[in-house]
């Protein structure tokens, strides 16, 4: 069972079905969805409810809402998920962190704050490393990776067929990076 993570301003926790309209308001926007691994916008509350129902807890992997504690409103999503086509010799898969946020939540540092909390959670839960893969022109996400102290590994064409990715990693014992 996932215990919500509290930061100075946020609560990272599972999405609730009654928050489907907020998730729809985020994922109906092409300017957000174009950066995700599934570039199809949501069109209905029912689709958002289905997405929430499909956010499986395979802890420490899942997708969670990050809400602004003072308002209780979800600002966006942060996730730890398997990288597609990344099977390792031992049968495991590489894990990546990802995020997206509502436009009204941008510019406040919420994404970085939520991602830092989830990186800490994933490493404490036993993941040896966590990667981030961003489109090479997704400059806001690349800046988040840099603010998090993730190590830049260059551009890769592994794992995703649609475009090359800027590739970052944090490893247990090497992160957080010294300020």
C-alpha atoms as a PDB file:
ATOM      1  CA  UNK A   1       0.000   0.000   0.000  1.00  0.00           C
ATOM      2  CA  UNK A   2       1.294   3.443  -0.955  1.00  0.00           C
ATOM      3  CA  UNK A   3       1.645   5.965   1.848  1.00  0.00           C
ATOM      4  CA  UNK A   4       1.188   9.528   0.556  1.00  0.00           C
ATOM      5  CA  UNK A   5       4.392  11.558   0.381  1.00  0.00           C
ATOM      6  CA  UNK A   6       4.242  15.036   1.880  1.00  0.00           C
ATOM      7  CA  UNK A   7       6.635  17.763   0.828  1.00  0.00           C
ATOM      8  CA  UNK A   8       6.741  21.384   1.891  1.00  0.00           C
ATOM      9  CA  UNK A   9       3.846  22.307  -0.440  1.00  0.00           C
ATOM     10  CA  UNK A  10       2.571  19.089  -2.018  1.00  0.00           C
ATOM     11  CA  UNK A  11       1.025  15.709  -1.329  1.00  0.00           C
ATOM     12  CA  UNK A  12       1.912  12.899  -3.754  1.00  0.00           C
ATOM     13  CA  UNK A  13      -0.891  10.335  -3.635  1.00  0.00           C
ATOM     14  CA  UNK A  14      -3.062   8.134  -5.854  1.00  0.00           C
ATOM     15  CA  UNK A  15      -5.521   9.825  -8.174  1.00  0.00           C
ATOM     16  CA  UNK A  16      -9.152   9.497  -7.071  1.00  0.00           C
ATOM     17  CA  UNK A  17     -11.969   8.659  -9.476  1.00  0.00           C
ATOM     18  CA  UNK A  18     -13.797  11.891  -8.573  1.00  0.00           C
ATOM     19  CA  UNK A  19     -10.766  13.800  -9.913  1.00  0.00           C
ATOM     20  CA  UNK A  20     -11.314  12.511 -13.458  1.00  0.00           C
ATOM     21  CA  UNK A  21     -12.537  15.951 -14.648  1.00  0.00           C
ATOM     22  CA  UNK A  22      -9.235  17.530 -13.504  1.00  0.00           C
ATOM     23  CA  UNK A  23      -7.206  14.766 -15.204  1.00  0.00           C
ATOM     24  CA  UNK A  24      -9.275  15.261 -18.353  1.00  0.00           C
ATOM     25  CA  UNK A  25      -8.584  19.005 -18.203  1.00  0.00           C
ATOM     26  CA  UNK A  26      -4.857  18.206 -18.263  1.00  0.00           C
ATOM     27  CA  UNK A  27      -4.783  15.368 -20.786  1.00  0.00           C
ATOM     28  CA  UNK A  28      -7.202  16.941 -23.270  1.00  0.00           C
ATOM     29  CA  UNK A  29      -4.470  19.459 -24.126  1.00  0.00           C
ATOM     30  CA  UNK A  30      -2.315  18.616 -27.171  1.00  0.00           C
ATOM     31  CA  UNK A  31       0.479  20.865 -25.853  1.00  0.00           C
ATOM     32  CA  UNK A  32       0.840  18.516 -22.848  1.00  0.00           C
ATOM     33  CA  UNK A  33       0.098  15.154 -24.433  1.00  0.00           C
ATOM     34  CA  UNK A  34       2.594  15.658 -27.278  1.00  0.00           C
ATOM     35  CA  UNK A  35       5.425  15.031 -24.776  1.00  0.00           C
ATOM     36  CA  UNK A  36       3.995  11.773 -23.433  1.00  0.00           C
ATOM     37  CA  UNK A  37       4.575   8.257 -24.729  1.00  0.00           C
ATOM     38  CA  UNK A  38       0.917   8.070 -25.788  1.00  0.00           C
ATOM     39  CA  UNK A  39       0.252  11.189 -27.891  1.00  0.00           C
ATOM     40  CA  UNK A  40      -3.552  10.829 -27.829  1.00  0.00           C
ATOM     41  CA  UNK A  41      -5.566  13.423 -25.977  1.00  0.00           C
ATOM     42  CA  UNK A  42      -8.408  12.339 -23.718  1.00  0.00           C
ATOM     43  CA  UNK A  43     -11.857  13.399 -24.855  1.00  0.00           C
ATOM     44  CA  UNK A  44     -14.271  12.349 -22.096  1.00  0.00           C
ATOM     45  CA  UNK A  45     -14.520  12.040 -18.327  1.00  0.00           C
ATOM     46  CA  UNK A  46     -15.072   8.303 -18.860  1.00  0.00           C
ATOM     47  CA  UNK A  47     -11.645   8.062 -20.563  1.00  0.00           C
ATOM     48  CA  UNK A  48     -10.069   9.882 -17.623  1.00  0.00           C
ATOM     49  CA  UNK A  49     -11.843   7.537 -15.174  1.00  0.00           C
ATOM     50  CA  UNK A  50     -10.509   4.566 -17.154  1.00  0.00           C
ATOM     51  CA  UNK A  51      -6.988   5.992 -17.025  1.00  0.00           C
ATOM     52  CA  UNK A  52      -7.216   6.447 -13.254  1.00  0.00           C
ATOM     53  CA  UNK A  53      -8.520   2.883 -12.854  1.00  0.00           C
ATOM     54  CA  UNK A  54      -5.545   1.648 -14.906  1.00  0.00           C
ATOM     55  CA  UNK A  55      -2.898   3.340 -12.740  1.00  0.00           C
ATOM     56  CA  UNK A  56      -1.762   0.061 -11.246  1.00  0.00           C
ATOM     57  CA  UNK A  57       0.191  -0.025  -8.029  1.00  0.00           C
ATOM     58  CA  UNK A  58       3.195  -2.216  -8.748  1.00  0.00           C
ATOM     59  CA  UNK A  59       5.095  -0.483  -6.000  1.00  0.00           C
ATOM     60  CA  UNK A  60       7.434   1.218  -6.089  1.00  0.00           C
ATOM     61  CA  UNK A  61       6.080   1.871  -9.598  1.00  0.00           C
ATOM     62  CA  UNK A  62       2.817   3.651 -10.300  1.00  0.00           C
ATOM     63  CA  UNK A  63       1.398   6.993 -11.395  1.00  0.00           C
ATOM     64  CA  UNK A  64       0.301   9.429  -8.709  1.00  0.00           C
ATOM     65  CA  UNK A  65      -1.342  12.821  -8.461  1.00  0.00           C
ATOM     66  CA  UNK A  66       0.598  15.619  -6.871  1.00  0.00           C
ATOM     67  CA  UNK A  67      -1.780  17.991  -5.174  1.00  0.00           C
ATOM     68  CA  UNK A  68      -1.125  21.441  -3.807  1.00  0.00           C
ATOM     69  CA  UNK A  69      -1.575  20.887  -0.066  1.00  0.00           C
ATOM     70  CA  UNK A  70      -3.056  24.327   0.582  1.00  0.00           C
ATOM     71  CA  UNK A  71      -5.859  23.843  -1.970  1.00  0.00           C
ATOM     72  CA  UNK A  72      -6.226  20.064  -2.264  1.00  0.00           C
ATOM     73  CA  UNK A  73      -6.285  20.418  -6.064  1.00  0.00           C
ATOM     74  CA  UNK A  74      -4.152  18.031  -8.153  1.00  0.00           C
ATOM     75  CA  UNK A  75      -1.503  20.017 -10.015  1.00  0.00           C
ATOM     76  CA  UNK A  76      -0.483  17.087 -12.197  1.00  0.00           C
ATOM     77  CA  UNK A  77       0.935  13.588 -12.270  1.00  0.00           C
ATOM     78  CA  UNK A  78       4.292  12.069 -11.438  1.00  0.00           C
ATOM     79  CA  UNK A  79       5.162   8.449 -12.148  1.00  0.00           C
ATOM     80  CA  UNK A  80       7.699   5.675 -11.937  1.00  0.00           C
ATOM     81  CA  UNK A  81       7.092   3.273 -14.817  1.00  0.00           C
ATOM     82  CA  UNK A  82       8.946   0.622 -16.792  1.00  0.00           C
ATOM     83  CA  UNK A  83      10.770   1.802 -19.892  1.00  0.00           C
ATOM     84  CA  UNK A  84       9.280  -0.051 -22.862  1.00  0.00           C
ATOM     85  CA  UNK A  85      11.534  -2.657 -24.494  1.00  0.00           C
ATOM     86  CA  UNK A  86      14.172  -2.363 -21.740  1.00  0.00           C
ATOM     87  CA  UNK A  87      14.310  -5.975 -20.544  1.00  0.00           C
ATOM     88  CA  UNK A  88      17.507  -6.769 -18.676  1.00  0.00           C
ATOM     89  CA  UNK A  89      19.261 -10.167 -18.514  1.00  0.00           C
ATOM     90  CA  UNK A  90      17.678 -10.840 -15.089  1.00  0.00           C
ATOM     91  CA  UNK A  91      14.170 -10.244 -16.485  1.00  0.00           C
ATOM     92  CA  UNK A  92      13.710  -6.834 -14.878  1.00  0.00           C
ATOM     93  CA  UNK A  93      13.066  -3.633 -16.808  1.00  0.00           C
ATOM     94  CA  UNK A  94      14.652  -0.227 -16.481  1.00  0.00           C
ATOM     95  CA  UNK A  95      12.494   2.331 -14.652  1.00  0.00           C
ATOM     96  CA  UNK A  96      11.854   5.918 -15.644  1.00  0.00           C
ATOM     97  CA  UNK A  97      10.326   8.887 -13.912  1.00  0.00           C
ATOM     98  CA  UNK A  98       7.868  11.080 -15.753  1.00  0.00           C
ATOM     99  CA  UNK A  99       5.531  13.974 -15.060  1.00  0.00           C
ATOM    100  CA  UNK A 100       2.989  16.362 -16.487  1.00  0.00           C
ATOM    101  CA  UNK A 101       1.134  19.295 -14.974  1.00  0.00           C
ATOM    102  CA  UNK A 102      -1.865  21.511 -15.561  1.00  0.00           C
ATOM    103  CA  UNK A 103      -0.903  24.881 -17.083  1.00  0.00           C
ATOM    104  CA  UNK A 104      -2.179  26.681 -13.960  1.00  0.00           C
ATOM    105  CA  UNK A 105       0.405  24.753 -11.912  1.00  0.00           C
ATOM    106  CA  UNK A 106       3.449  25.638 -14.018  1.00  0.00           C
ATOM    107  CA  UNK A 107       6.065  28.113 -12.899  1.00  0.00           C
ATOM    108  CA  UNK A 108       5.770  27.318  -9.180  1.00  0.00           C
ATOM    109  CA  UNK A 109       8.387  24.550  -8.933  1.00  0.00           C
ATOM    110  CA  UNK A 110       5.731  21.925  -8.198  1.00  0.00           C
ATOM    111  CA  UNK A 111       6.944  19.472 -10.855  1.00  0.00           C
ATOM    112  CA  UNK A 112      10.511  19.549  -9.513  1.00  0.00           C
ATOM    113  CA  UNK A 113       9.298  19.224  -5.921  1.00  0.00           C
ATOM    114  CA  UNK A 114       7.049  16.245  -6.742  1.00  0.00           C
ATOM    115  CA  UNK A 115       9.710  14.555  -8.895  1.00  0.00           C
ATOM    116  CA  UNK A 116      12.358  14.943  -6.174  1.00  0.00           C
ATOM    117  CA  UNK A 117      10.028  13.307  -3.634  1.00  0.00           C
ATOM    118  CA  UNK A 118       9.282  10.402  -5.984  1.00  0.00           C
ATOM    119  CA  UNK A 119      12.965   9.905  -6.852  1.00  0.00           C
ATOM    120  CA  UNK A 120      13.749   9.709  -3.129  1.00  0.00           C
ATOM    121  CA  UNK A 121      10.854   7.284  -2.618  1.00  0.00           C
ATOM    122  CA  UNK A 122      11.916   5.018  -5.510  1.00  0.00           C
ATOM    123  CA  UNK A 123      15.543   4.821  -4.414  1.00  0.00           C
ATOM    124  CA  UNK A 124      14.575   4.188  -0.765  1.00  0.00           C
ATOM    125  CA  UNK A 125      12.192   1.462  -1.958  1.00  0.00           C
ATOM    126  CA  UNK A 126      15.089  -0.413  -3.556  1.00  0.00           C
ATOM    127  CA  UNK A 127      15.330   0.760  -7.149  1.00  0.00           C
ATOM    128  CA  UNK A 128      19.058   0.869  -7.988  1.00  0.00           C
ATOM    129  CA  UNK A 129      18.561   3.667 -10.522  1.00  0.00           C
ATOM    130  CA  UNK A 130      15.841   5.760 -12.103  1.00  0.00           C
ATOM    131  CA  UNK A 131      16.071   7.261 -15.560  1.00  0.00           C
ATOM    132  CA  UNK A 132      14.310  10.133 -17.291  1.00  0.00           C
ATOM    133  CA  UNK A 133      13.745  10.217 -21.033  1.00  0.00           C
ATOM    134  CA  UNK A 134      12.538  13.458 -22.579  1.00  0.00           C
ATOM    135  CA  UNK A 135      12.008  14.572 -26.130  1.00  0.00           C
ATOM    136  CA  UNK A 136      15.172  16.383 -27.202  1.00  0.00           C
ATOM    137  CA  UNK A 137      13.183  19.610 -27.634  1.00  0.00           C
ATOM    138  CA  UNK A 138      11.262  19.354 -24.344  1.00  0.00           C
ATOM    139  CA  UNK A 139      13.372  22.035 -22.683  1.00  0.00           C
ATOM    140  CA  UNK A 140      11.143  22.474 -19.602  1.00  0.00           C
ATOM    141  CA  UNK A 141      11.497  18.774 -18.698  1.00  0.00           C
ATOM    142  CA  UNK A 142      15.229  18.834 -19.374  1.00  0.00           C
ATOM    143  CA  UNK A 143      15.508  21.792 -16.954  1.00  0.00           C
ATOM    144  CA  UNK A 144      13.592  19.781 -14.338  1.00  0.00           C
ATOM    145  CA  UNK A 145      16.101  16.924 -14.766  1.00  0.00           C
ATOM    146  CA  UNK A 146      18.959  19.385 -14.313  1.00  0.00           C
ATOM    147  CA  UNK A 147      17.374  20.972 -11.209  1.00  0.00           C
ATOM    148  CA  UNK A 148      16.971  17.473  -9.779  1.00  0.00           C
ATOM    149  CA  UNK A 149      20.699  16.818 -10.198  1.00  0.00           C
ATOM    150  CA  UNK A 150      20.131  13.948 -12.621  1.00  0.00           C
ATOM    151  CA  UNK A 151      23.172  12.894 -14.649  1.00  0.00           C
ATOM    152  CA  UNK A 152      22.848  13.588 -18.374  1.00  0.00           C
ATOM    153  CA  UNK A 153      23.829  10.538 -20.439  1.00  0.00           C
ATOM    154  CA  UNK A 154      23.314  12.067 -23.882  1.00  0.00           C
ATOM    155  CA  UNK A 155      20.775  11.383 -26.597  1.00  0.00           C
ATOM    156  CA  UNK A 156      19.478   7.868 -27.153  1.00  0.00           C
ATOM    157  CA  UNK A 157      17.288   6.225 -29.751  1.00  0.00           C
ATOM    158  CA  UNK A 158      16.796   3.156 -27.564  1.00  0.00           C
ATOM    159  CA  UNK A 159      13.315   2.258 -26.304  1.00  0.00           C
ATOM    160  CA  UNK A 160      11.139   4.791 -28.157  1.00  0.00           C
ATOM    161  CA  UNK A 161      10.638   4.588 -31.918  1.00  0.00           C
ATOM    162  CA  UNK A 162       8.992   7.965 -32.488  1.00  0.00           C
ATOM    163  CA  UNK A 163      11.933  10.242 -31.663  1.00  0.00           C
ATOM    164  CA  UNK A 164      15.329  10.343 -29.969  1.00  0.00           C
ATOM    165  CA  UNK A 165      15.338  11.090 -26.240  1.00  0.00           C
ATOM    166  CA  UNK A 166      17.530  13.110 -23.921  1.00  0.00           C
ATOM    167  CA  UNK A 167      18.596  10.531 -21.340  1.00  0.00           C
ATOM    168  CA  UNK A 168      19.172  11.216 -17.625  1.00  0.00           C
ATOM    169  CA  UNK A 169      19.762   8.955 -14.623  1.00  0.00           C
ATOM    170  CA  UNK A 170      20.036   8.982 -10.832  1.00  0.00           C
ATOM    171  CA  UNK A 171      21.688   6.062  -9.062  1.00  0.00           C
ATOM    172  CA  UNK A 172      21.325   4.938  -5.489  1.00  0.00           C
ATOM    173  CA  UNK A 173      24.333   6.140  -3.517  1.00  0.00           C
ATOM    174  CA  UNK A 174      25.158   8.860  -6.069  1.00  0.00           C
ATOM    175  CA  UNK A 175      22.094  11.021  -5.560  1.00  0.00           C
ATOM    176  CA  UNK A 176      21.174  13.533  -4.429  1.00  0.00           C
ATOM    177  CA  UNK A 177      24.055  15.234  -6.108  1.00  0.00           C
ATOM    178  CA  UNK A 178      25.970  17.720  -3.954  1.00  0.00           C
ATOM    179  CA  UNK A 179      24.526  21.215  -4.255  1.00  0.00           C
END
